[in-house]
Amino acid sequence: MPEERKSFLLRIPPDLWKELEKWAADELRSVNGQIEYILRQAVEKRRRAQEKEE
């Protein structure tokens, strides 16, 4: 069964949006997919850092 997604409104400046569009296109993702990818990387990095502290 596919994973449910939580929708939310995100307001970002136009210059940041343009950078995300370029980055997403370079990696063959949608902007939404790119944002999710970046967030997943950040969460994993934080999780690894926390595990090292324990």
Protein backbone atom coordinates (compact mmCIF):
# COMPACT_ATOMS: atom_id res chain seq x y z
CA MET A 1 0.00 0.00 0.00
CA PRO A 2 1.43 3.44 -0.92
CA GLU A 3 2.58 5.67 1.90
CA GLU A 4 0.22 8.54 2.72
CA ARG A 5 1.67 12.02 2.31
CA LYS A 6 1.03 15.03 4.50
CA SER A 7 0.27 18.18 2.52
CA PHE A 8 1.18 21.63 3.78
CA LEU A 9 1.65 25.12 2.45
CA LEU A 10 5.22 26.34 2.09
CA ARG A 11 6.00 29.97 1.40
CA ILE A 12 9.47 30.64 0.04
CA PRO A 13 11.06 33.62 -1.68
CA PRO A 14 11.04 33.61 -5.51
CA ASP A 15 14.85 33.54 -5.71
CA LEU A 16 14.98 30.39 -3.57
CA TRP A 17 12.22 28.81 -5.70
CA LYS A 18 14.26 29.45 -8.86
CA GLU A 19 17.33 27.83 -7.30
CA LEU A 20 15.25 24.81 -6.24
CA GLU A 21 13.79 24.54 -9.76
CA LYS A 22 17.28 24.50 -11.29
CA TRP A 23 18.57 21.99 -8.75
CA ALA A 24 15.54 19.74 -9.21
CA ALA A 25 15.88 19.85 -13.00
CA ASP A 26 19.57 18.94 -12.75
CA GLU A 27 18.64 15.86 -10.73
CA LEU A 28 15.53 15.02 -12.78
CA ARG A 29 13.11 15.65 -9.92
CA SER A 30 10.10 17.87 -9.38
CA VAL A 31 10.59 20.78 -6.99
CA ASN A 32 8.39 18.96 -4.49
CA GLY A 33 10.51 15.82 -4.87
CA GLN A 34 13.69 17.85 -4.47
CA ILE A 35 12.46 19.49 -1.28
CA GLU A 36 11.52 16.08 0.12
CA TYR A 37 14.95 14.72 -0.85
CA ILE A 38 16.74 17.63 0.87
CA LEU A 39 14.63 17.24 4.00
CA ARG A 40 15.24 13.49 4.16
CA GLN A 41 19.00 14.08 3.86
CA ALA A 42 18.88 16.68 6.65
CA VAL A 43 16.88 14.39 8.94
CA GLU A 44 19.26 11.48 8.32
CA LYS A 45 22.29 13.69 8.98
CA ARG A 46 20.74 14.91 12.24
CA ARG A 47 19.86 11.34 13.27
CA ARG A 48 23.44 10.16 12.67
CA ALA A 49 24.82 13.12 14.66
CA GLN A 50 22.51 12.33 17.57
CA GLU A 51 23.53 8.66 17.53
CA LYS A 52 27.21 9.66 17.74
CA GLU A 53 26.46 11.81 20.80
CA GLU A 54 24.86 8.90 22.67
